[in-house]
């Protein structure tokens, strides 16, 4: 009888703990930040210290909208470039490699037919 009581108490505690984990994961998923064209333009303009009313570099397209690292295409002097926004605040132009050494910038350039002028 005592073991049955312990088993029921353990099961109740386990299900409550699992419910808290599921609630915590659901809360994380619902608070996902979304990068809009306007927000990307503000980040790019601020990073390049351009005039917000008349920026020289404009955001052409948001390719991948990921809150950790977003891929965007910017246009400056009629030349398209692949750029990256890290953590919704840091702007980066240049080659970006994944953990396996694959050049992600080159992959996006090939996918969107962007000619890079080096």
C-alpha atoms as a PDB file:
ATOM      1  CA  UNK A   1       0.000   0.000   0.000  1.00  0.00           C
ATOM      2  CA  UNK A   2       2.844   2.385   0.866  1.00  0.00           C
ATOM      3  CA  UNK A   3       4.562   1.684  -2.456  1.00  0.00           C
ATOM      4  CA  UNK A   4       1.300   2.424  -4.271  1.00  0.00           C
ATOM      5  CA  UNK A   5       1.030   5.793  -2.501  1.00  0.00           C
ATOM      6  CA  UNK A   6       4.646   6.614  -3.419  1.00  0.00           C
ATOM      7  CA  UNK A   7       4.005   5.590  -7.022  1.00  0.00           C
ATOM      8  CA  UNK A   8       0.931   7.849  -7.278  1.00  0.00           C
ATOM      9  CA  UNK A   9       2.790  10.757  -5.651  1.00  0.00           C
ATOM     10  CA  UNK A  10       5.723  10.273  -8.038  1.00  0.00           C
ATOM     11  CA  UNK A  11       3.429  10.185 -11.085  1.00  0.00           C
ATOM     12  CA  UNK A  12       1.612  13.344 -10.000  1.00  0.00           C
ATOM     13  CA  UNK A  13       4.910  15.164  -9.414  1.00  0.00           C
ATOM     14  CA  UNK A  14       6.316  13.961 -12.719  1.00  0.00           C
ATOM     15  CA  UNK A  15       3.284  15.131 -14.688  1.00  0.00           C
ATOM     16  CA  UNK A  16       3.321  18.527 -12.945  1.00  0.00           C
ATOM     17  CA  UNK A  17       7.015  18.961 -13.749  1.00  0.00           C
ATOM     18  CA  UNK A  18       6.468  17.913 -17.358  1.00  0.00           C
ATOM     19  CA  UNK A  19       3.581  20.375 -17.597  1.00  0.00           C
ATOM     20  CA  UNK A  20       5.847  23.195 -16.364  1.00  0.00           C
ATOM     21  CA  UNK A  21       8.491  22.267 -18.951  1.00  0.00           C
ATOM     22  CA  UNK A  22       5.864  22.258 -21.713  1.00  0.00           C
ATOM     23  CA  UNK A  23       4.509  25.641 -20.573  1.00  0.00           C
ATOM     24  CA  UNK A  24       8.024  27.093 -20.523  1.00  0.00           C
ATOM     25  CA  UNK A  25       8.737  25.819 -24.060  1.00  0.00           C
ATOM     26  CA  UNK A  26       5.410  27.156 -25.317  1.00  0.00           C
ATOM     27  CA  UNK A  27       6.169  30.585 -23.860  1.00  0.00           C
ATOM     28  CA  UNK A  28       9.533  30.663 -25.652  1.00  0.00           C
ATOM     29  CA  UNK A  29       7.957  29.796 -28.989  1.00  0.00           C
ATOM     30  CA  UNK A  30       5.265  32.464 -28.743  1.00  0.00           C
ATOM     31  CA  UNK A  31       7.716  35.328 -28.054  1.00  0.00           C
ATOM     32  CA  UNK A  32       9.708  34.863 -31.269  1.00  0.00           C
ATOM     33  CA  UNK A  33      10.984  38.144 -32.643  1.00  0.00           C
ATOM     34  CA  UNK A  34      10.212  38.912 -36.270  1.00  0.00           C
ATOM     35  CA  UNK A  35      12.467  41.075 -38.406  1.00  0.00           C
ATOM     36  CA  UNK A  36      10.459  43.338 -40.680  1.00  0.00           C
ATOM     37  CA  UNK A  37      11.811  45.342 -43.601  1.00  0.00           C
ATOM     38  CA  UNK A  38      11.469  48.543 -41.559  1.00  0.00           C
ATOM     39  CA  UNK A  39      13.325  47.108 -38.557  1.00  0.00           C
ATOM     40  CA  UNK A  40      16.075  45.765 -40.813  1.00  0.00           C
ATOM     41  CA  UNK A  41      16.377  49.181 -42.475  1.00  0.00           C
ATOM     42  CA  UNK A  42      16.733  50.870 -39.060  1.00  0.00           C
ATOM     43  CA  UNK A  43      19.463  48.411 -38.046  1.00  0.00           C
ATOM     44  CA  UNK A  44      21.366  48.884 -41.324  1.00  0.00           C
ATOM     45  CA  UNK A  45      21.030  52.676 -41.268  1.00  0.00           C
ATOM     46  CA  UNK A  46      22.175  52.850 -37.649  1.00  0.00           C
ATOM     47  CA  UNK A  47      25.130  50.518 -38.193  1.00  0.00           C
ATOM     48  CA  UNK A  48      26.344  52.435 -41.247  1.00  0.00           C
ATOM     49  CA  UNK A  49      25.623  55.808 -39.596  1.00  0.00           C
ATOM     50  CA  UNK A  50      23.577  57.019 -42.548  1.00  0.00           C
ATOM     51  CA  UNK A  51      20.811  59.602 -42.581  1.00  0.00           C
ATOM     52  CA  UNK A  52      17.575  57.769 -41.653  1.00  0.00           C
ATOM     53  CA  UNK A  53      15.527  60.092 -43.888  1.00  0.00           C
ATOM     54  CA  UNK A  54      17.708  59.456 -46.943  1.00  0.00           C
ATOM     55  CA  UNK A  55      19.783  56.259 -46.542  1.00  0.00           C
ATOM     56  CA  UNK A  56      22.336  55.315 -49.190  1.00  0.00           C
ATOM     57  CA  UNK A  57      22.022  51.616 -48.388  1.00  0.00           C
ATOM     58  CA  UNK A  58      18.518  50.168 -48.532  1.00  0.00           C
ATOM     59  CA  UNK A  59      17.187  46.783 -47.519  1.00  0.00           C
ATOM     60  CA  UNK A  60      16.006  45.023 -50.665  1.00  0.00           C
ATOM     61  CA  UNK A  61      14.754  41.758 -49.144  1.00  0.00           C
ATOM     62  CA  UNK A  62      14.649  39.828 -45.865  1.00  0.00           C
ATOM     63  CA  UNK A  63      15.646  36.316 -46.923  1.00  0.00           C
ATOM     64  CA  UNK A  64      15.648  34.366 -43.662  1.00  0.00           C
ATOM     65  CA  UNK A  65      13.772  35.699 -40.672  1.00  0.00           C
ATOM     66  CA  UNK A  66      15.505  34.011 -37.760  1.00  0.00           C
ATOM     67  CA  UNK A  67      15.799  35.808 -34.394  1.00  0.00           C
ATOM     68  CA  UNK A  68      19.388  34.615 -33.892  1.00  0.00           C
ATOM     69  CA  UNK A  69      20.752  35.421 -37.356  1.00  0.00           C
ATOM     70  CA  UNK A  70      18.739  36.879 -40.203  1.00  0.00           C
ATOM     71  CA  UNK A  71      19.845  37.015 -43.826  1.00  0.00           C
ATOM     72  CA  UNK A  72      19.038  40.179 -45.767  1.00  0.00           C
ATOM     73  CA  UNK A  73      19.881  41.583 -49.181  1.00  0.00           C
ATOM     74  CA  UNK A  74      20.917  45.245 -49.278  1.00  0.00           C
ATOM     75  CA  UNK A  75      21.372  47.563 -52.244  1.00  0.00           C
ATOM     76  CA  UNK A  76      23.998  50.302 -52.429  1.00  0.00           C
ATOM     77  CA  UNK A  77      24.861  52.091 -55.704  1.00  0.00           C
ATOM     78  CA  UNK A  78      22.715  49.585 -57.664  1.00  0.00           C
ATOM     79  CA  UNK A  79      24.822  46.726 -56.308  1.00  0.00           C
ATOM     80  CA  UNK A  80      23.179  43.963 -54.265  1.00  0.00           C
ATOM     81  CA  UNK A  81      25.015  42.415 -51.330  1.00  0.00           C
ATOM     82  CA  UNK A  82      24.155  39.713 -48.847  1.00  0.00           C
ATOM     83  CA  UNK A  83      24.221  40.955 -45.263  1.00  0.00           C
ATOM     84  CA  UNK A  84      23.527  39.413 -41.890  1.00  0.00           C
ATOM     85  CA  UNK A  85      21.766  40.734 -38.790  1.00  0.00           C
ATOM     86  CA  UNK A  86      22.823  38.947 -35.602  1.00  0.00           C
ATOM     87  CA  UNK A  87      20.562  38.990 -32.522  1.00  0.00           C
ATOM     88  CA  UNK A  88      18.318  41.628 -34.138  1.00  0.00           C
ATOM     89  CA  UNK A  89      20.925  44.371 -33.593  1.00  0.00           C
ATOM     90  CA  UNK A  90      24.332  43.682 -35.154  1.00  0.00           C
ATOM     91  CA  UNK A  91      24.813  44.287 -38.887  1.00  0.00           C
ATOM     92  CA  UNK A  92      27.472  42.299 -40.758  1.00  0.00           C
ATOM     93  CA  UNK A  93      28.506  42.273 -44.433  1.00  0.00           C
ATOM     94  CA  UNK A  94      31.005  39.665 -45.588  1.00  0.00           C
ATOM     95  CA  UNK A  95      31.539  35.944 -45.780  1.00  0.00           C
ATOM     96  CA  UNK A  96      29.725  33.949 -43.150  1.00  0.00           C
ATOM     97  CA  UNK A  97      30.592  30.290 -42.547  1.00  0.00           C
ATOM     98  CA  UNK A  98      28.661  27.579 -40.718  1.00  0.00           C
ATOM     99  CA  UNK A  99      30.198  25.002 -38.355  1.00  0.00           C
ATOM    100  CA  UNK A 100      31.131  22.713 -41.265  1.00  0.00           C
ATOM    101  CA  UNK A 101      33.036  25.476 -43.087  1.00  0.00           C
ATOM    102  CA  UNK A 102      30.351  26.018 -45.732  1.00  0.00           C
ATOM    103  CA  UNK A 103      30.225  29.613 -47.027  1.00  0.00           C
ATOM    104  CA  UNK A 104      26.630  30.692 -46.386  1.00  0.00           C
ATOM    105  CA  UNK A 105      27.080  34.100 -48.040  1.00  0.00           C
ATOM    106  CA  UNK A 106      28.163  32.466 -51.296  1.00  0.00           C
ATOM    107  CA  UNK A 107      25.229  30.057 -51.104  1.00  0.00           C
ATOM    108  CA  UNK A 108      22.702  32.899 -50.753  1.00  0.00           C
ATOM    109  CA  UNK A 109      24.406  34.805 -53.596  1.00  0.00           C
ATOM    110  CA  UNK A 110      24.077  31.763 -55.853  1.00  0.00           C
ATOM    111  CA  UNK A 111      20.476  31.155 -54.822  1.00  0.00           C
ATOM    112  CA  UNK A 112      19.382  34.751 -55.528  1.00  0.00           C
ATOM    113  CA  UNK A 113      21.660  35.322 -58.560  1.00  0.00           C
ATOM    114  CA  UNK A 114      23.699  38.075 -56.918  1.00  0.00           C
ATOM    115  CA  UNK A 115      26.975  38.835 -58.630  1.00  0.00           C
ATOM    116  CA  UNK A 116      29.594  39.663 -56.023  1.00  0.00           C
ATOM    117  CA  UNK A 117      32.290  42.081 -57.124  1.00  0.00           C
ATOM    118  CA  UNK A 118      35.456  41.368 -55.205  1.00  0.00           C
END
